Protein backbone atom coordinates (compact mmCIF):
# COMPACT_ATOMS: atom_id res chain seq x y z
CA MET A 1 222.60 -55.84 90.44
CA SER A 2 221.80 -54.50 86.97
CA ALA A 3 218.12 -55.51 87.16
CA GLU A 4 217.70 -53.85 90.54
CA ALA A 5 219.66 -50.73 89.61
CA THR A 6 216.55 -49.17 88.02
CA GLU A 7 214.11 -50.38 90.69
CA THR A 8 211.86 -47.72 92.21
CA VAL A 9 211.21 -47.33 95.93
CA GLY A 10 207.71 -48.70 95.46
CA ALA A 11 208.96 -51.71 93.51
CA GLY A 12 211.56 -52.31 96.20
CA ILE A 13 208.91 -52.28 98.92
CA ARG A 14 206.79 -54.73 96.92
CA ARG A 15 209.76 -57.07 96.40
CA LEU A 16 210.67 -57.07 100.09
CA ARG A 17 207.03 -57.43 101.18
CA THR A 18 206.31 -60.41 98.96
CA ALA A 19 209.60 -62.06 99.92
CA ARG A 20 208.36 -61.98 103.53
CA GLY A 21 204.92 -63.31 102.66
CA LEU A 22 203.09 -60.15 103.71
CA THR A 23 200.00 -58.62 102.12
CA GLN A 24 199.74 -54.89 101.53
CA ARG A 25 197.27 -54.70 104.41
CA ASP A 26 199.67 -56.59 106.71
CA LEU A 27 202.45 -54.14 105.97
CA ALA A 28 200.43 -50.92 105.98
CA GLN A 29 198.19 -51.26 109.01
CA PRO A 30 197.50 -50.06 111.57
CA GLU A 31 199.12 -46.68 110.83
CA TYR A 32 198.40 -46.56 107.07
CA SER A 33 195.82 -47.86 104.62
CA ARG A 34 196.31 -50.66 102.12
CA THR A 35 195.19 -48.23 99.38
CA LEU A 36 198.02 -45.80 100.16
CA LEU A 37 200.62 -48.57 100.17
CA ALA A 38 199.27 -49.93 96.90
CA ALA A 39 199.64 -46.46 95.33
CA VAL A 40 203.22 -46.22 96.60
CA GLU A 41 204.11 -49.66 95.26
CA ALA A 42 202.58 -48.75 91.89
CA GLY A 43 204.60 -45.52 91.74
CA ILE A 44 201.49 -43.35 91.86
CA ARG A 45 202.29 -41.84 95.28
CA THR A 46 205.65 -40.75 96.71
CA PRO A 47 206.13 -42.19 100.21
CA THR A 48 206.63 -39.75 103.07
CA ASP A 49 209.54 -40.14 105.46
CA ASP A 50 207.13 -41.33 108.16
CA LEU A 51 205.71 -44.00 105.87
CA LEU A 52 209.21 -45.14 104.89
CA ARG A 53 210.18 -45.40 108.56
CA HIS A 54 207.08 -47.46 109.26
CA VAL A 55 207.72 -49.81 106.32
CA ALA A 56 211.41 -50.15 107.13
CA ARG A 57 210.60 -51.05 110.72
CA ARG A 58 208.00 -53.64 109.70
CA LEU A 59 210.32 -55.15 107.06
CA ASP A 60 213.30 -55.05 109.42
CA VAL A 61 215.56 -53.19 106.98
CA ALA A 62 217.63 -50.03 107.35
CA LEU A 63 215.75 -46.87 106.41
CA ASP A 64 218.43 -45.74 103.95
CA ASP A 65 218.54 -49.20 102.36
CA LEU A 66 214.82 -48.89 101.72
CA ARG A 67 214.99 -45.24 100.60
CA TRP A 68 217.77 -45.98 98.09
CA VAL A 69 216.43 -49.39 97.09
CA ARG A 70 219.70 -51.05 97.97
CA PRO A 71 219.98 -54.76 97.17
CA PRO A 72 221.00 -56.97 100.10
CA GLY A 73 224.75 -56.92 100.68
CA ILE A 74 225.39 -54.16 98.13
CA VAL A 75 227.64 -52.14 100.48
CA ASP A 76 229.94 -55.10 101.12
CA GLU A 77 229.86 -56.03 97.44
CA LEU A 78 230.90 -52.56 96.27
CA ALA A 79 233.57 -52.28 98.98
CA GLY A 80 234.94 -55.65 97.87
CA ASP A 81 234.98 -54.52 94.24
CA LEU A 82 236.95 -51.44 95.26
CA ALA A 83 239.47 -53.45 97.28
CA GLY A 84 240.02 -55.88 94.43
CA ALA A 85 240.45 -53.10 91.89
CA ARG A 86 242.88 -51.34 94.25
CA GLN A 87 245.08 -54.45 94.21
CA ALA A 88 244.72 -54.73 90.44
CA LEU A 89 245.88 -51.13 90.07
CA ALA A 90 248.94 -51.84 92.22
CA ARG A 91 249.72 -54.81 89.94
CA GLY A 92 249.62 -52.56 86.89
CA GLU A 93 246.15 -53.47 85.57
CA VAL A 94 245.36 -49.78 85.28
CA ASP A 95 242.64 -49.82 82.60
CA GLU A 96 240.78 -52.69 84.24
CA ALA A 97 240.97 -51.07 87.66
CA GLU A 98 239.79 -47.70 86.40
CA ALA A 99 236.77 -49.33 84.75
CA VAL A 100 235.81 -50.93 88.08
CA PHE A 101 236.27 -47.61 89.89
CA ALA A 102 233.91 -45.92 87.43
CA ARG A 103 231.25 -48.65 87.72
CA THR A 104 231.52 -48.70 91.48
CA ARG A 105 231.20 -44.95 91.75
CA ALA A 106 228.09 -44.93 89.55
CA ALA A 107 226.51 -47.67 91.66
CA ALA A 108 227.45 -45.96 94.91
CA VAL A 109 225.84 -42.72 93.74
CA ARG A 110 222.73 -44.64 92.65
CA TYR A 111 222.40 -46.28 96.06
CA GLY A 112 223.11 -43.17 98.13
CA LEU A 113 226.51 -44.26 99.43
CA PRO A 114 228.58 -41.04 99.41
CA ASP A 115 231.65 -42.47 101.15
CA LEU A 116 231.96 -45.35 98.70
CA ALA A 117 231.36 -42.98 95.78
CA CYS A 118 234.15 -40.74 97.08
CA TRP A 119 236.55 -43.66 97.53
CA ALA A 120 235.87 -44.81 93.97
CA GLY A 121 236.45 -41.29 92.61
CA TYR A 122 239.63 -41.01 94.64
CA GLN A 123 240.93 -44.28 93.23
CA THR A 124 240.17 -43.01 89.73
CA GLY A 125 242.54 -40.12 90.45
CA GLU A 126 245.11 -42.61 91.73
CA ALA A 127 244.86 -44.60 88.49
CA ARG A 128 245.48 -41.46 86.47
CA LEU A 129 248.46 -40.57 88.64
CA GLN A 130 249.87 -44.04 88.11
CA ARG A 131 249.72 -43.42 84.36
CA GLY A 132 251.57 -40.15 84.91
CA ASP A 133 248.61 -38.05 83.77
CA MET A 134 248.74 -35.30 86.37
CA VAL A 135 246.17 -33.07 84.64
CA ALA A 136 243.56 -35.85 84.50
CA ALA A 137 244.29 -36.82 88.11
CA ILE A 138 243.76 -33.26 89.29
CA ALA A 139 240.46 -33.18 87.41
CA ALA A 140 239.36 -36.39 89.15
CA PHE A 141 240.19 -35.03 92.60
CA ASP A 142 238.61 -31.65 91.88
CA GLU A 143 235.42 -33.34 90.72
CA LEU A 144 235.05 -34.73 94.25
CA ARG A 145 235.42 -31.41 96.05
CA PRO A 146 231.69 -30.51 96.17
CA SER A 147 230.89 -33.84 97.85
CA LEU A 148 233.61 -33.68 100.52
CA PRO A 149 231.51 -31.96 103.23
CA ASP A 150 229.08 -34.90 103.06
CA VAL A 151 231.58 -37.76 103.37
CA GLY A 152 233.51 -39.25 106.28
CA ALA A 153 236.82 -37.96 107.56
CA ALA A 154 238.89 -40.75 105.99
CA PRO A 155 237.85 -40.41 102.32
CA ARG A 156 237.91 -36.63 102.67
CA ALA A 157 241.48 -36.77 103.98
CA ALA A 158 242.52 -39.08 101.14
CA VAL A 159 241.27 -36.65 98.50
CA VAL A 160 242.74 -33.56 100.19
CA ALA A 161 246.12 -35.25 100.68
CA ARG A 162 246.43 -36.45 97.09
CA ARG A 163 245.19 -33.16 95.61
CA ALA A 164 247.82 -31.37 97.69
CA TYR A 165 250.48 -33.72 96.32
CA CYS A 166 249.47 -32.72 92.79
CA GLN A 167 249.49 -29.07 93.79
CA PHE A 168 253.00 -29.41 95.20
CA ALA A 169 254.33 -31.36 92.24
CA THR A 170 253.04 -28.86 89.70
CA GLY A 171 254.58 -25.83 91.36
CA ASP A 172 252.54 -24.56 94.30
CA ALA A 173 254.37 -25.87 97.35
CA ALA A 174 253.09 -23.07 99.60
CA GLY A 175 249.47 -23.68 98.63
CA ALA A 176 249.84 -27.43 99.12
CA VAL A 177 251.37 -27.05 102.57
CA SER A 178 248.70 -24.55 103.60
CA ALA A 179 245.90 -26.90 102.46
CA LEU A 180 247.41 -29.83 104.34
CA GLU A 181 248.01 -27.85 107.54
CA GLU A 182 244.44 -26.57 107.53
CA ALA A 183 242.99 -30.03 106.86
CA LEU A 184 245.15 -31.62 109.55
CA THR A 185 244.00 -29.06 112.10
CA GLY A 186 240.41 -29.94 111.27
CA ALA A 187 241.09 -33.69 111.49
CA ARG A 188 242.67 -33.24 114.92
CA GLN A 189 239.64 -31.34 116.12
CA ALA A 190 237.35 -34.07 114.75
CA GLY A 191 239.46 -36.80 116.36
CA SER A 192 239.72 -39.13 113.37
CA ALA A 193 242.90 -41.24 113.67
CA ASP A 194 242.68 -42.34 110.02
CA ALA A 195 242.39 -38.79 108.72
CA GLN A 196 245.12 -37.47 111.01
CA VAL A 197 247.63 -40.14 110.00
CA ARG A 198 246.89 -39.78 106.27
CA LEU A 199 247.22 -36.00 106.35
CA SER A 200 250.27 -36.19 108.62
CA SER A 201 252.04 -38.44 106.11
CA ALA A 202 251.25 -36.02 103.29
CA LEU A 203 252.44 -33.02 105.31
CA MET A 204 255.61 -34.81 106.44
CA TYR A 205 256.35 -35.60 102.78
CA ALA A 206 255.91 -31.95 101.80
CA TYR A 207 258.05 -30.74 104.71
CA LEU A 208 260.73 -33.28 103.78
CA ALA A 209 260.80 -32.03 100.18
CA LEU A 210 261.22 -28.48 101.53
CA ASP A 211 263.94 -29.71 103.92
CA TRP A 212 261.84 -28.68 106.94
CA ARG A 213 262.77 -31.82 108.84
CA ASP A 214 262.18 -30.37 112.31
CA ARG A 215 258.60 -29.59 111.39
CA ALA A 216 258.19 -33.03 109.87
CA ARG A 217 259.47 -34.65 113.06
CA GLN A 218 256.97 -32.64 115.10
CA VAL A 219 254.12 -33.87 112.91
CA GLU A 220 255.42 -37.43 113.18
CA ALA A 221 255.58 -37.24 116.98
CA LEU A 222 251.94 -36.17 117.20
CA ALA A 223 250.67 -38.77 114.74
CA ARG A 224 252.69 -41.82 115.74
CA PRO A 225 250.60 -42.64 118.88
CA LEU A 226 247.54 -42.89 116.63
CA LEU A 227 248.85 -45.70 114.44
CA ALA A 228 247.24 -48.41 116.58
CA GLU A 229 243.82 -46.82 115.99
CA VAL A 230 244.10 -46.55 112.21
CA THR A 231 241.73 -48.81 110.28
CA VAL A 232 243.24 -48.24 106.81
CA GLN A 233 246.39 -50.33 107.11
CA GLU A 234 247.79 -48.98 103.84
CA TRP A 235 248.05 -45.64 105.58
CA VAL A 236 250.03 -47.11 108.46
CA ALA A 237 252.55 -48.44 105.96
CA GLN A 238 252.62 -45.12 104.13
CA PHE A 239 253.30 -43.27 107.38
CA LEU A 240 256.22 -45.59 108.19
CA VAL A 241 257.73 -45.07 104.73
CA VAL A 242 257.66 -41.28 105.04
CA ALA A 243 258.86 -41.31 108.65
CA GLY A 244 261.72 -43.61 107.66
CA GLN A 245 262.89 -41.05 105.11
CA LEU A 246 263.25 -38.49 107.90
CA ARG A 247 266.11 -40.58 109.29
CA ARG A 248 269.10 -39.19 107.43
CA GLY A 249 272.07 -40.00 109.69
CA ALA A 250 274.02 -43.26 109.76
CA ALA A 251 273.10 -43.74 113.42
CA GLU A 252 269.40 -43.64 112.50
CA LEU A 253 269.71 -46.09 109.61
CA PRO A 254 268.72 -49.20 111.62
CA GLU A 255 265.55 -47.45 112.80
CA ALA A 256 264.70 -46.37 109.26
CA GLU A 257 265.30 -49.84 107.89
CA LEU A 258 263.01 -51.35 110.52
CA MET A 259 260.27 -48.94 109.42
CA PHE A 260 260.77 -49.89 105.77
CA THR A 261 260.68 -53.59 106.64
CA ASP A 262 257.42 -53.21 108.57
CA ALA A 263 255.89 -51.09 105.80
CA GLY A 264 256.93 -53.57 103.13
CA LYS A 265 255.34 -56.45 105.03
CA LEU A 266 252.10 -54.54 105.40
CA TYR A 267 252.00 -53.68 101.71
CA GLU A 268 252.72 -57.29 100.77
CA GLU A 269 249.88 -58.50 103.01
CA LEU A 270 247.59 -56.01 101.32
CA GLY A 271 248.70 -57.14 97.86
CA LEU A 272 249.98 -53.69 96.87
CA THR A 273 252.88 -54.41 94.50
CA ARG A 274 253.54 -50.81 93.47
CA GLU A 275 253.71 -49.67 97.08
CA VAL A 276 256.27 -52.38 97.92
CA ALA A 277 258.44 -50.89 95.15
CA LEU A 278 257.95 -47.39 96.54
CA THR A 279 259.20 -48.67 99.90
CA ARG A 280 262.37 -49.91 98.20
CA TRP A 281 262.75 -46.47 96.65
CA ALA A 282 262.45 -44.88 100.09
CA HIS A 283 265.09 -47.26 101.42
CA GLY A 284 267.43 -46.24 98.61
CA TYR A 285 266.70 -42.59 99.36
CA VAL A 286 268.05 -43.00 102.89
CA LEU A 287 270.98 -45.21 101.86
CA ARG A 288 272.16 -42.60 99.34
CA ARG A 289 272.08 -39.89 101.93
CA VAL A 290 274.20 -41.87 104.38
CA GLY A 291 276.75 -42.60 101.65
CA GLN A 292 275.92 -46.26 100.95
CA LEU A 293 275.85 -45.85 97.18
CA ASP A 294 275.95 -49.50 96.17
CA GLY A 295 273.05 -50.38 98.44
CA ALA A 296 271.13 -47.34 97.24
CA ALA A 297 271.71 -48.29 93.59
CA ALA A 298 270.40 -51.81 94.22
CA ALA A 299 267.27 -50.46 95.95
CA PHE A 300 266.56 -47.90 93.22
CA ASP A 301 267.16 -50.44 90.47
CA ALA A 302 264.73 -52.90 92.09
CA ALA A 303 262.15 -50.14 92.51
CA CYS A 304 262.50 -49.00 88.88
CA THR A 305 262.02 -52.54 87.58
CA VAL A 306 258.73 -53.04 89.42
CA LEU A 307 257.43 -49.52 88.82
CA ASP A 308 258.07 -49.90 85.11
CA ARG A 309 256.29 -53.27 85.08
CA VAL A 310 253.15 -51.91 86.77
CA GLY A 311 252.99 -48.81 84.59
CA ALA A 312 253.78 -46.31 87.33
CA THR A 313 255.54 -43.99 84.92
CA GLN A 314 256.01 -40.90 87.10
CA ASP A 315 257.04 -42.91 90.14
CA GLY A 316 259.49 -44.79 87.96
CA ALA A 317 260.91 -41.51 86.69
CA GLY A 318 261.43 -40.29 90.25
CA ALA A 319 263.26 -43.47 91.22
CA ALA A 320 265.31 -43.30 88.01
CA LEU A 321 266.44 -39.78 88.89
CA GLU A 322 267.65 -41.01 92.27
CA LEU A 323 269.51 -43.87 90.54
CA ALA A 324 270.98 -41.39 88.06
CA GLU A 325 272.39 -39.32 90.91
CA VAL A 326 274.00 -42.44 92.38
CA ARG A 327 275.55 -43.31 89.01
CA ARG A 328 276.86 -39.75 88.67
CA ARG A 329 278.52 -39.96 92.06
CA GLN A 330 279.97 -43.32 91.10
CA GLY A 331 281.46 -41.75 87.99
CA ASP A 332 279.22 -43.42 85.37
CA LEU A 333 278.26 -40.20 83.59
CA ASP A 334 276.82 -41.87 80.48
CA GLU A 335 274.42 -44.00 82.50
CA ALA A 336 273.50 -41.05 84.69
CA ALA A 337 272.70 -38.96 81.62
CA ARG A 338 270.68 -41.74 80.00
CA LEU A 339 268.54 -42.24 83.09
CA ALA A 340 268.05 -38.52 83.66
CA ARG A 341 267.03 -37.80 80.06
CA ALA A 342 264.46 -40.58 80.03
CA ALA A 343 263.08 -39.38 83.36
CA ALA A 344 263.01 -35.78 82.15
CA ASP A 345 260.78 -36.75 79.23
CA VAL A 346 258.30 -38.48 81.56
CA CYS A 347 258.30 -35.56 84.01
CA ALA A 348 257.65 -33.05 81.24
CA ARG A 349 254.63 -35.06 80.03
CA SER A 350 253.22 -35.33 83.54
CA HIS A 351 253.96 -31.67 84.41
CA HIS A 352 255.87 -32.75 87.53
CA LEU A 353 257.85 -29.58 88.15
CA GLU A 354 259.93 -30.89 91.05
CA CYS A 355 261.25 -33.84 89.03
CA MET A 356 261.77 -31.63 85.98
CA ALA A 357 263.98 -29.39 88.10
CA GLU A 358 265.88 -32.37 89.49
CA ALA A 359 266.45 -33.74 85.98
CA ASP A 360 267.79 -30.36 84.84
CA ARG A 361 270.21 -30.19 87.74
CA LEU A 362 271.42 -33.72 87.24
CA LEU A 363 271.98 -33.24 83.54
CA GLY A 364 273.72 -29.94 84.28
CA LEU A 365 276.10 -31.57 86.74
CA VAL A 366 276.79 -34.37 84.25
CA ALA A 367 277.47 -31.83 81.50
CA ALA A 368 279.85 -29.93 83.78
CA ALA A 369 281.74 -33.12 84.67
CA ALA A 370 281.90 -34.06 80.97
CA GLY A 371 283.51 -30.73 80.06
CA ARG A 372 280.46 -29.04 78.50
CA PRO A 373 280.20 -25.88 80.61
CA ALA A 374 277.82 -24.01 78.27
CA ASP A 375 275.29 -26.84 78.36
CA ALA A 376 275.75 -27.18 82.09
CA GLU A 377 275.04 -23.51 82.73
CA VAL A 378 271.81 -23.54 80.73
CA LEU A 379 270.55 -26.63 82.57
CA LEU A 380 271.57 -25.46 86.04
CA ASP A 381 270.04 -22.03 85.51
CA ARG A 382 266.78 -23.63 84.41
CA ALA A 383 266.86 -25.89 87.46
CA VAL A 384 267.24 -22.82 89.70
CA GLN A 385 264.23 -21.21 88.04
CA ARG A 386 262.10 -24.32 88.40
CA TYR A 387 263.06 -24.90 92.01
CA GLY A 388 262.30 -21.25 92.69
CA GLN A 389 258.90 -21.53 91.05
CA LEU A 390 258.20 -24.58 93.19
CA GLY A 391 259.32 -22.78 96.34
CA VAL A 392 261.90 -25.40 97.33
CA MET A 393 264.52 -22.90 98.44
CA VAL A 394 266.99 -25.42 99.84
CA GLU A 395 267.39 -26.81 96.31
CA VAL A 396 267.71 -23.29 94.89
CA VAL A 397 270.61 -22.77 97.29
CA ALA A 398 272.33 -26.03 96.35
CA THR A 399 271.89 -25.46 92.62
CA CYS A 400 273.07 -21.84 92.81
CA ARG A 401 276.19 -23.09 94.54
CA ALA A 402 276.90 -25.54 91.72
CA LEU A 403 276.15 -22.92 89.05
CA GLY A 404 278.23 -20.24 90.76
CA GLU A 405 281.22 -22.57 91.10
CA LEU A 406 280.95 -23.40 87.40
CA GLN A 407 280.96 -19.71 86.49
CA LEU A 408 283.81 -19.03 88.90
CA SER A 409 285.95 -21.80 87.36
CA ALA A 410 285.46 -20.12 83.98
CA GLY A 411 286.79 -16.83 85.38
CA ARG A 412 283.37 -15.13 85.29
CA THR A 413 283.62 -13.60 88.72
CA ALA A 414 280.79 -11.11 88.33
CA ASP A 415 278.33 -13.74 87.10
CA ALA A 416 279.37 -16.08 89.89
CA GLY A 417 278.84 -13.31 92.45
CA ARG A 418 275.31 -12.68 91.20
CA THR A 419 274.53 -16.41 91.34
CA PHE A 420 275.91 -16.77 94.87
CA ARG A 421 273.85 -13.76 96.00
CA ARG A 422 270.80 -15.37 94.47
CA GLY A 423 271.53 -18.44 96.54
CA LEU A 424 271.95 -16.37 99.69
CA GLU A 425 268.59 -14.72 99.14
CA ALA A 426 267.01 -18.17 98.73
CA ALA A 427 268.72 -19.32 101.95
CA ARG A 428 267.20 -16.38 103.84
CA ALA A 429 263.78 -17.16 102.35
CA ALA A 430 264.11 -20.80 103.43
CA ARG A 431 264.50 -19.88 107.11
């Protein structure tokens, strides 16, 4: 590939012509002269589109393959490189995978393959997210924005969805939701099942974080019939994982667990180790909310182990916060605090505002239970501010309740009243 990477169009025509045993006259006539073709092959003349079409037809090659001097099989080769690097990333080989993504993107640009170039750039952003470098990931996704109008619906949806996730995580929930809703409307009009399912999963995730479960269920209902048409099987698994987390009641647990089982099998078949761990995290998420704390702890612990091994630092921090909440409810305050502090450090480095707020609240509740009300108040108040900045009003309400009760138990009625009113205002805003 390296020798052909600098090949000109004329040199490519000469290579293909000689490989077929044709003379310049054989290839050029009757429409064009041998002299013109010789000048093109020598790089003296630039071929017109009509000449390229004629040559491509005579050589039995695709016009764009000729125009971009693509070596035989290059599209499949680059797609295979991307798929292999995607698996390597999921195994934790982040540096190696990112190097392949960069090489593949450069080659795809060289050979005029915008979709493959976009996929490679998107995976670069994914690698940076896996490291927990939110700023670098955002830069990678933003770099792709000018090319999005020229790529297919699926890679465009992937970039929009992941950029919206970053937007949400760093404090602009409203902007993220708006971007996803607009993109999903466009995907529905275009009729792309892949794009609709990918964007639906992202929007369901955002709605779930905002506790807008009715809206999430509506999105799920519209997207679910499309799953059989989706070509990116990773996105089918991702959809099942998010949809499973919408099942919060004990009666829905068997349905959720079936979704997680199916998603896990798909991820295993695809060789995506990190995503299998994220499925376990999702399972624990549901188990905790139906009161099965031991099962939730086991799922979170398994997820944390794998996520730590593959270098998924921010994902690991999120799972650790869930495990910390389980330990707090089980009465193991020291372990809860240890997990939450470690996660808080990771979240601060990655600028993940939602997890920073959750860590503050957890540590505040632990401090309150440990008899340190002053520390608890500082942490809970900061959690309220961060949740408010994020726009997750349901969490503002819950945290204001905890903070107000702490103030009330200390006899600070006026302060408690102000905090409870703050929570009421957030509850009205959440409607």
